[in-house]
Amino acid sequence: MMRKTDTDALCAAWRETLTQRSDDAAVLGSAGEVLRTFGQIEKEAEAIADTQLATFKPGAVLAIQIGNHPAWPAWLLACVRRGLVVLPLEGTMGPHERHAALQVCRATAVVIFRAGEIEVERGGGAFTRWDYPQPALLKLTSGTTAAPRAIRFRSEQLLADCDQICSTMGISDHDLNFGVIPVSHSYGFSNLLTPLIARGVPLVMSRDRMPRAVLDGLARTNATVFPGMPVFYQALIQMEEVPRLTKLRLCISAGAPLSLRTALKFREKFGHSIHSFYGSSECGGICYDAAATLVEQAFVGEPMDGVQLKLLEPNGASSRIRVRSAAASDGYFPEPDEERLGHGSFMPDDLLARAAGGYRVVGRISDLINVAGKKVNPAEVEAALLACKGVREAIVFGRSSSLRNEEVAACVVAETGVAE
């Protein structure tokens, strides 16, 4: 059976990691126990490739839905070596949603975690013959109609994204990632899984997302890097009797906008600034707030190492952007959209504005409110409301108007005692 071990970029990077770190801890549990060394991952990957994947044809799509299981690195390596295409699925995905994803991506089987065992469940779409360079990974996303579609990545692009993240954020094999975000999600895959394989960065695999479990896990494992999301930081600032996180040196937030209020409260409570990380499933990391001065809402810093960012309307108050990066996907699957994604570039739907020392994300093209032909960005109105004394939260939206097409409306949460 053909193996890609000698030619694949991800496999080549793994060989370097294995040479240097074979006996070192690679995957830890949330109590700090070693679940896999790098050498054990290698043996596990070989066994999977020779047994459970032995009969699959190169080019077949294999979905993996095993949550944050410590076997994830081995399954990824085994699939790449067999020339299979990996389709990560989130553990919370229901049967109907999963069926639609498997059909659209033409997966021939799905790897699932059931009754304490990992099983390969056959059945699904027809075998795919790739008319363009075969991908190593399909990332699931939604199209404009909310129907699932996938994004094609070769190993070289996955490796480029990993290199850009580690270089920009200063993450090395001396760090320990705390993995509570799903590794099946683009953010978790790029910040947790590929750094382990390509850079030898060990990680804690945690399946417990309760705030107390996250805090205790960070303290017990002495994790140094926490790739989190706003929902975690919002929960953590409300907790009492928090442990000291003496080894933690880098807190990252991505996946959704982080409120400035939450970031400031977290720094006050834990003594750590949160670094905003802006990216996309289609092209990986785009911008990163390295300084984390926390003075401006929705600030995401400068473009990451190796990333070029161009404002499409440079004279406007805000603009869509064109991103060029070695990490950008080859395109969508099964239906391409080359104007938006391909040839090393991607055009997100987000609207960005220049700021001192970088950029702010101020909304999305689909969020604009059309008031008598004038486009109003709700994020800018929200920022103005949040600047008012006593306003805790604000959300702005458009509602139908017979005279002006749409009009601006807002819901506000005020501090106790604030009068209208």
Protein backbone atom coordinates (compact mmCIF):
# COMPACT_ATOMS: atom_id res chain seq x y z
CA MET A 1 0.00 0.00 0.00
CA MET A 2 1.30 3.45 -0.93
CA ARG A 3 2.48 5.60 1.94
CA LYS A 4 3.01 9.38 1.82
CA THR A 5 5.50 9.35 4.68
CA ASP A 6 8.47 10.23 2.47
CA THR A 7 6.83 13.03 0.46
CA ASP A 8 4.18 14.66 2.66
CA ALA A 9 5.19 17.95 4.36
CA LEU A 10 3.30 17.19 7.59
CA CYS A 11 4.87 13.73 7.82
CA ALA A 12 8.33 15.20 7.25
CA ALA A 13 7.78 17.70 10.07
CA TRP A 14 6.57 14.88 12.32
CA ARG A 15 9.75 12.90 11.65
CA GLU A 16 11.78 15.86 12.92
CA THR A 17 9.61 16.11 16.01
CA LEU A 18 9.87 12.38 16.67
CA THR A 19 13.66 12.42 16.32
CA GLN A 20 13.96 15.11 18.98
CA ARG A 21 11.13 14.23 21.38
CA SER A 22 10.30 10.52 21.12
CA ASP A 23 10.35 9.83 24.88
CA ASP A 24 8.79 13.15 25.95
CA ALA A 25 5.20 13.66 27.04
CA ALA A 26 3.01 14.70 24.09
CA VAL A 27 -0.60 14.46 25.31
CA LEU A 28 -1.55 14.96 28.94
CA GLY A 29 -4.82 14.62 30.82
CA SER A 30 -6.40 17.48 32.77
CA ALA A 31 -4.89 16.14 36.01
CA GLY A 32 -1.40 16.31 34.50
CA GLU A 33 -1.06 12.58 33.80
CA VAL A 34 0.78 11.55 30.61
CA LEU A 35 -1.62 9.94 28.13
CA ARG A 36 0.77 9.66 25.16
CA THR A 37 4.45 10.25 24.55
CA PHE A 38 5.53 11.27 21.06
CA GLY A 39 6.89 7.77 20.53
CA GLN A 40 3.59 6.21 21.60
CA ILE A 41 1.71 8.40 19.11
CA GLU A 42 3.99 7.05 16.38
CA LYS A 43 3.31 3.42 17.34
CA GLU A 44 -0.42 4.11 17.55
CA ALA A 45 -0.42 5.76 14.11
CA GLU A 46 1.42 2.78 12.58
CA ALA A 47 -1.07 0.34 14.11
CA ILE A 48 -4.08 2.32 12.86
CA ALA A 49 -2.64 2.59 9.34
CA ASP A 50 -1.89 -1.15 9.19
CA THR A 51 -5.21 -2.36 10.62
CA GLN A 52 -8.25 -0.08 10.69
CA LEU A 53 -7.24 1.86 7.56
CA ALA A 54 -5.62 -0.96 5.61
CA THR A 55 -8.47 -1.43 3.12
CA PHE A 56 -9.21 2.21 2.30
CA LYS A 57 -8.21 3.55 -1.12
CA PRO A 58 -5.96 6.62 -1.26
CA GLY A 59 -8.10 9.70 -1.85
CA ALA A 60 -11.05 8.46 0.21
CA VAL A 61 -12.60 10.92 2.67
CA LEU A 62 -12.67 9.74 6.30
CA ALA A 63 -14.68 11.73 8.84
CA ILE A 64 -13.38 11.77 12.44
CA GLN A 65 -15.80 12.48 15.28
CA ILE A 66 -14.07 11.52 18.52
CA GLY A 67 -14.12 14.78 20.50
CA ASN A 68 -10.92 15.79 22.28
CA HIS A 69 -9.62 12.23 22.42
CA PRO A 70 -5.86 11.68 22.95
CA ALA A 71 -5.80 9.45 19.85
CA TRP A 72 -6.46 12.42 17.52
CA PRO A 73 -2.78 12.99 16.54
CA ALA A 74 -2.32 9.30 15.69
CA TRP A 75 -5.47 9.17 13.57
CA LEU A 76 -4.44 12.27 11.65
CA LEU A 77 -0.95 10.91 10.97
CA ALA A 78 -2.28 7.48 9.98
CA CYS A 79 -4.74 9.01 7.49
CA VAL A 80 -2.12 11.26 5.91
CA ARG A 81 0.25 8.31 5.53
CA ARG A 82 -2.45 6.27 3.81
CA GLY A 83 -3.25 9.14 1.47
CA LEU A 84 -6.72 9.60 2.99
CA VAL A 85 -8.55 12.91 3.35
CA VAL A 86 -9.53 13.81 6.92
CA LEU A 87 -12.88 15.48 7.66
CA PRO A 88 -13.05 16.58 11.35
CA LEU A 89 -16.56 16.64 12.82
CA GLU A 90 -17.46 18.25 16.13
CA GLY A 91 -18.63 15.87 18.83
CA THR A 92 -21.83 17.85 19.43
CA MET A 93 -22.99 17.42 15.82
CA GLY A 94 -26.33 15.63 15.67
CA PRO A 95 -27.15 12.69 13.37
CA HIS A 96 -29.04 14.72 10.72
CA GLU A 97 -26.33 17.39 10.53
CA ARG A 98 -23.67 14.69 10.39
CA HIS A 99 -25.48 12.83 7.61
CA ALA A 100 -25.64 16.02 5.52
CA ALA A 101 -21.92 16.69 6.07
CA LEU A 102 -20.95 13.14 5.14
CA GLN A 103 -23.02 13.28 1.95
CA VAL A 104 -21.74 16.67 0.81
CA CYS A 105 -18.11 15.74 1.51
CA ARG A 106 -18.57 12.22 0.06
CA ALA A 107 -17.08 10.54 3.12
CA THR A 108 -16.75 6.77 2.81
CA ALA A 109 -16.62 6.19 6.60
CA VAL A 110 -16.70 7.95 9.95
CA VAL A 111 -14.49 7.32 12.98
CA ILE A 112 -16.53 7.56 16.18
CA PHE A 113 -15.98 7.13 19.91
CA ARG A 114 -18.60 4.76 21.29
CA ALA A 115 -18.81 2.87 24.59
CA GLY A 116 -15.21 3.65 25.43
CA GLU A 117 -13.84 2.45 22.06
CA ILE A 118 -12.92 4.11 18.76
CA GLU A 119 -14.70 2.46 15.84
CA VAL A 120 -14.75 2.92 12.08
CA GLU A 121 -18.30 3.02 10.76
CA ARG A 122 -18.48 2.38 7.02
CA GLY A 123 -21.02 3.79 4.61
CA GLY A 124 -21.67 7.23 3.19
CA GLY A 125 -20.79 9.03 0.00
CA ALA A 126 -19.23 7.66 -3.16
CA PHE A 127 -15.46 7.54 -3.57
CA THR A 128 -14.04 10.89 -4.72
CA ARG A 129 -11.59 11.21 -7.60
CA TRP A 130 -9.79 14.50 -7.17
CA ASP A 131 -9.40 16.56 -10.37
CA TYR A 132 -6.99 18.95 -8.62
CA PRO A 133 -4.24 18.43 -6.03
CA GLN A 134 -5.63 16.03 -3.46
CA PRO A 135 -6.24 17.62 -0.07
CA ALA A 136 -5.12 16.17 3.25
CA LEU A 137 -7.93 17.87 5.17
CA LEU A 138 -11.45 19.13 4.60
CA LYS A 139 -12.69 21.78 7.04
CA LEU A 140 -16.45 21.94 7.28
CA THR A 141 -18.14 25.32 6.93
CA SER A 142 -21.45 26.78 5.77
CA GLY A 143 -22.21 28.43 2.48
CA THR A 144 -24.50 31.42 1.91
CA THR A 145 -27.52 29.11 2.00
CA ALA A 146 -26.36 27.58 5.34
CA ALA A 147 -25.86 24.24 3.57
CA PRO A 148 -22.59 22.55 4.57
CA ARG A 149 -19.57 22.74 2.32
CA ALA A 150 -15.90 22.03 2.83
CA ILE A 151 -12.59 23.84 2.46
CA ARG A 152 -9.67 21.95 0.87
CA PHE A 153 -6.22 21.99 2.48
CA ARG A 154 -2.98 20.31 1.50
CA SER A 155 -0.39 19.45 4.15
CA GLU A 156 1.79 22.37 3.01
CA GLN A 157 -0.97 24.82 3.85
CA LEU A 158 -1.63 23.25 7.26
CA LEU A 159 2.08 23.45 8.01
CA ALA A 160 2.23 27.11 6.90
CA ASP A 161 -0.64 28.01 9.24
CA CYS A 162 1.10 26.23 12.12
CA ASP A 163 4.38 28.02 11.40
CA GLN A 164 2.69 31.42 11.21
CA ILE A 165 0.86 30.85 14.51
CA CYS A 166 3.90 29.62 16.42
CA SER A 167 6.18 32.32 14.98
CA THR A 168 3.76 35.21 15.59
CA MET A 169 2.67 34.09 19.07
CA GLY A 170 6.09 32.88 20.19
CA ILE A 171 4.90 29.33 20.93
CA SER A 172 7.62 26.67 21.15
CA ASP A 173 8.21 23.11 22.32
CA HIS A 174 8.96 24.54 25.78
CA ASP A 175 5.27 25.42 26.10
CA LEU A 176 2.28 23.33 27.13
CA ASN A 177 -1.01 24.06 25.35
CA PHE A 178 -4.24 23.62 27.30
CA GLY A 179 -6.70 22.07 24.86
CA VAL A 180 -10.32 22.58 25.89
CA ILE A 181 -11.47 24.10 22.60
CA PRO A 182 -12.50 21.35 20.14
CA VAL A 183 -9.59 20.08 18.05
CA SER A 184 -12.15 19.35 15.33
CA HIS A 185 -12.71 23.11 15.00
CA SER A 186 -10.37 25.09 12.76
CA TYR A 187 -9.04 27.11 15.72
CA GLY A 188 -8.31 24.03 17.82
CA PHE A 189 -6.84 22.08 14.92
CA SER A 190 -4.39 24.87 14.03
CA ASN A 191 -3.45 25.93 17.57
CA LEU A 192 -3.30 22.52 19.22
CA LEU A 193 -2.96 19.60 16.82
CA THR A 194 -0.57 20.80 14.14
CA PRO A 195 1.83 22.49 16.63
CA LEU A 196 2.13 19.14 18.43
CA ILE A 197 2.93 17.29 15.20
CA ALA A 198 5.06 19.87 13.41
CA ARG A 199 6.67 21.76 16.31
CA GLY A 200 6.64 19.26 19.18
CA VAL A 201 4.39 21.45 21.35
CA PRO A 202 2.73 19.14 23.93
CA LEU A 203 -0.89 19.64 24.87
CA VAL A 204 -3.42 18.88 27.56
CA MET A 205 -6.53 17.21 26.13
CA SER A 206 -9.55 18.21 28.21
CA ARG A 207 -13.16 17.25 27.57
CA ASP A 208 -14.59 19.13 30.55
CA ARG A 209 -15.57 22.67 29.56
CA MET A 210 -17.03 23.70 32.91
CA PRO A 211 -15.30 26.86 34.17
CA ARG A 212 -14.12 25.30 37.45
CA ALA A 213 -12.67 22.31 35.58
CA VAL A 214 -10.85 24.62 33.16
CA LEU A 215 -9.31 26.65 35.99
CA ASP A 216 -8.32 23.57 38.00
CA GLY A 217 -6.85 21.96 34.87
CA LEU A 218 -4.77 25.02 34.06
CA ALA A 219 -3.42 25.06 37.61
CA ARG A 220 -2.76 21.31 37.95
CA THR A 221 -1.03 20.84 34.60
CA ASN A 222 1.08 24.03 34.73
CA ALA A 223 -0.05 24.83 31.20
CA THR A 224 1.69 27.87 29.72
CA VAL A 225 -0.63 28.63 26.78
CA PHE A 226 -4.44 28.83 26.91
CA PRO A 227 -6.17 29.12 23.52
CA GLY A 228 -9.63 30.11 24.72
CA MET A 229 -12.84 31.72 23.52
CA PRO A 230 -14.81 34.66 24.92
CA VAL A 231 -17.33 32.34 26.56
CA PHE A 232 -14.57 30.86 28.75
CA TYR A 233 -13.15 34.23 29.80
CA GLN A 234 -16.63 35.59 30.57
CA ALA A 235 -17.28 32.61 32.85
CA LEU A 236 -13.88 32.73 34.54
CA ILE A 237 -14.15 36.36 35.64
CA GLN A 238 -17.32 35.51 37.57
CA MET A 239 -15.72 32.75 39.64
CA GLU A 240 -14.77 32.98 43.29
CA GLU A 241 -11.71 31.48 45.00
CA VAL A 242 -9.60 31.16 41.88
CA PRO A 243 -6.19 29.43 41.93
CA ARG A 244 -2.98 31.21 41.03
CA LEU A 245 -1.92 30.38 37.49
CA THR A 246 1.80 30.89 37.99
CA LYS A 247 2.98 29.06 34.86
CA LEU A 248 0.42 30.51 32.47
CA ARG A 249 2.08 33.08 30.21
CA LEU A 250 -0.18 33.42 27.15
CA CYS A 251 -3.97 33.72 26.93
CA ILE A 252 -5.50 33.80 23.44
CA SER A 253 -9.08 34.53 22.43
CA ALA A 254 -10.60 33.66 19.06
CA GLY A 255 -13.79 32.34 17.51
CA ALA A 256 -15.94 35.36 18.42
CA PRO A 257 -15.42 39.02 19.39
CA LEU A 258 -14.06 39.49 22.92
CA SER A 259 -15.59 42.39 24.83
CA LEU A 260 -13.11 44.91 26.19
CA ARG A 261 -14.90 44.82 29.53
CA THR A 262 -14.32 41.06 29.85
CA ALA A 263 -10.65 41.39 28.89
CA LEU A 264 -10.05 44.13 31.47
CA LYS A 265 -11.86 42.21 34.22
CA PHE A 266 -9.82 39.09 33.43
CA ARG A 267 -6.55 41.01 33.63
CA GLU A 268 -7.59 42.55 36.92
CA LYS A 269 -8.57 39.17 38.39
CA PHE A 270 -5.81 36.90 37.02
CA GLY A 271 -3.00 39.28 36.12
CA HIS A 272 -2.91 38.14 32.47
CA SER A 273 -3.78 40.11 29.34
CA ILE A 274 -5.83 38.35 26.66
CA HIS A 275 -4.43 38.46 23.13
CA SER A 276 -7.11 38.66 20.43
CA PHE A 277 -6.56 36.35 17.48
CA TYR A 278 -8.48 36.95 14.26
CA GLY A 279 -8.59 34.28 11.59
CA SER A 280 -10.79 32.28 9.28
CA SER A 281 -11.31 28.62 8.49
CA GLU A 282 -10.46 29.39 4.86
CA CYS A 283 -6.99 30.88 5.39
CA GLY A 284 -5.95 30.31 9.01
CA GLY A 285 -4.63 33.17 11.14
CA ILE A 286 -4.96 36.72 9.81
CA CYS A 287 -4.21 39.18 12.64
CA TYR A 288 -2.92 38.96 16.22
CA ASP A 289 -2.82 41.50 19.02
CA ALA A 290 0.68 40.85 20.37
CA ALA A 291 0.79 43.86 22.72
CA ALA A 292 -2.68 43.30 24.23
CA THR A 293 -2.86 46.82 25.63
CA LEU A 294 -6.66 46.44 25.84
CA VAL A 295 -7.60 50.01 25.04
CA GLU A 296 -9.91 49.57 22.05
CA GLN A 297 -12.94 47.37 21.47
CA ALA A 298 -12.60 44.73 18.69
CA PHE A 299 -8.89 45.46 18.17
CA VAL A 300 -7.12 42.46 16.59
CA GLY A 301 -3.62 43.83 16.05
CA GLU A 302 -1.37 43.52 13.04
CA PRO A 303 -1.23 40.90 10.27
CA MET A 304 0.51 37.73 11.33
CA ASP A 305 3.95 36.70 10.12
CA GLY A 306 3.72 35.69 6.46
CA VAL A 307 0.24 37.21 5.97
CA GLN A 308 -0.52 40.11 3.63
CA LEU A 309 -3.71 42.11 4.17
CA LYS A 310 -5.20 44.58 1.69
CA LEU A 311 -8.16 46.87 2.32
CA LEU A 312 -10.44 46.72 -0.72
CA GLU A 313 -11.85 50.20 0.05
CA PRO A 314 -8.83 51.95 1.62
CA ASN A 315 -10.55 55.37 1.78
CA GLY A 316 -13.67 54.10 3.50
CA ALA A 317 -14.41 54.12 7.21
CA SER A 318 -14.36 50.32 7.03
CA SER A 319 -13.66 47.82 4.30
CA ARG A 320 -13.61 44.20 3.29
CA ILE A 321 -10.12 42.78 2.97
CA ARG A 322 -8.16 40.47 0.71
CA VAL A 323 -5.84 38.10 2.58
CA ARG A 324 -2.81 36.50 0.94
CA SER A 325 -1.07 33.70 2.76
CA ALA A 326 0.72 30.40 2.18
CA ALA A 327 -1.88 28.95 4.56
CA ALA A 328 -4.86 29.94 2.38
CA SER A 329 -6.92 27.01 1.12
CA ASP A 330 -6.99 25.77 -2.45
CA GLY A 331 -10.75 26.34 -2.56
CA TYR A 332 -14.19 25.14 -1.56
CA PHE A 333 -15.58 21.65 -2.15
CA PRO A 334 -17.65 20.44 -3.90
CA GLU A 335 -18.49 23.80 -5.56
CA PRO A 336 -15.58 26.28 -5.91
CA ASP A 337 -15.79 30.07 -5.52
CA GLU A 338 -12.50 31.26 -6.99
CA GLU A 339 -13.35 34.95 -6.71
CA ARG A 340 -13.54 34.59 -2.95
CA LEU A 341 -11.09 31.75 -2.23
CA GLY A 342 -8.21 30.28 -4.22
CA HIS A 343 -4.75 30.89 -5.63
CA GLY A 344 -3.35 31.77 -2.21
CA SER A 345 -5.91 34.42 -1.28
CA PHE A 346 -9.22 34.78 0.55
CA MET A 347 -11.82 37.54 0.90
CA PRO A 348 -13.76 37.30 4.18
CA ASP A 349 -17.17 38.88 4.78
CA ASP A 350 -15.78 40.84 7.74
CA LEU A 351 -15.38 44.61 7.71
CA LEU A 352 -12.12 45.96 9.11
CA ALA A 353 -10.94 49.46 9.94
CA ARG A 354 -7.44 50.80 10.45
CA ALA A 355 -6.45 51.59 14.02
CA ALA A 356 -3.28 52.68 15.75
CA GLY A 357 -0.95 49.69 15.61
CA GLY A 358 -3.22 47.43 13.59
CA TYR A 359 -6.85 46.79 12.71
CA ARG A 360 -10.29 46.55 14.29
CA VAL A 361 -13.04 44.16 13.20
CA VAL A 362 -16.11 46.39 13.02
CA GLY A 363 -18.73 44.07 11.55
CA ARG A 364 -19.69 41.96 8.58
CA ILE A 365 -20.93 42.95 5.16
CA SER A 366 -24.22 41.13 5.87
CA ASP A 367 -24.74 43.13 9.11
CA LEU A 368 -24.99 46.56 7.46
CA ILE A 369 -28.30 48.36 7.98
CA ASN A 370 -29.67 50.11 4.88
CA VAL A 371 -31.26 53.37 6.08
CA ALA A 372 -32.65 55.21 3.05
CA GLY A 373 -29.66 54.10 0.98
CA LYS A 374 -27.07 54.91 3.65
CA LYS A 375 -25.21 51.89 5.04
CA VAL A 376 -24.99 51.99 8.83
CA ASN A 377 -22.57 49.64 10.59
CA PRO A 378 -24.27 48.37 13.79
CA ALA A 379 -20.90 47.71 15.44
CA GLU A 380 -20.05 51.43 15.29
CA VAL A 381 -23.36 52.35 16.94
CA GLU A 382 -22.79 49.67 19.59
CA ALA A 383 -19.35 51.12 20.33
CA ALA A 384 -20.88 54.58 20.80
CA LEU A 385 -23.51 53.19 23.18
CA LEU A 386 -20.93 51.22 25.17
CA ALA A 387 -18.93 54.44 25.61
CA CYS A 388 -21.89 55.95 27.52
CA LYS A 389 -21.53 55.84 31.30
CA GLY A 390 -23.52 53.04 32.88
CA VAL A 391 -24.05 50.96 29.72
CA ARG A 392 -22.90 47.36 30.25
CA GLU A 393 -24.04 45.67 27.04
CA ALA A 394 -25.57 46.83 23.77
CA ILE A 395 -26.77 45.20 20.60
CA VAL A 396 -27.84 47.14 17.51
CA PHE A 397 -29.90 45.80 14.62
CA GLY A 398 -32.06 46.89 11.73
CA ARG A 399 -35.82 46.64 11.54
CA SER A 400 -38.15 47.22 8.63
CA SER A 401 -39.34 50.77 7.88
CA SER A 402 -41.95 51.70 5.27
CA LEU A 403 -40.35 55.12 4.83
CA ARG A 404 -36.60 54.37 4.93
CA ASN A 405 -36.35 50.63 4.12
CA GLU A 406 -34.71 49.98 7.50
CA GLU A 407 -34.21 51.90 10.72
CA VAL A 408 -31.67 51.44 13.48
CA ALA A 409 -32.85 49.82 16.72
CA ALA A 410 -30.94 48.90 19.87
CA CYS A 411 -31.28 46.89 23.08
CA VAL A 412 -29.20 48.08 26.03
CA VAL A 413 -28.31 46.56 29.41
CA ALA A 414 -27.54 49.30 31.95
CA GLU A 415 -25.90 49.29 35.36
CA THR A 416 -28.17 49.32 38.42
CA GLY A 417 -29.45 52.79 39.16
CA VAL A 418 -28.98 54.22 35.66
CA ALA A 419 -31.98 56.27 34.56
CA GLU A 420 -33.10 56.78 30.97
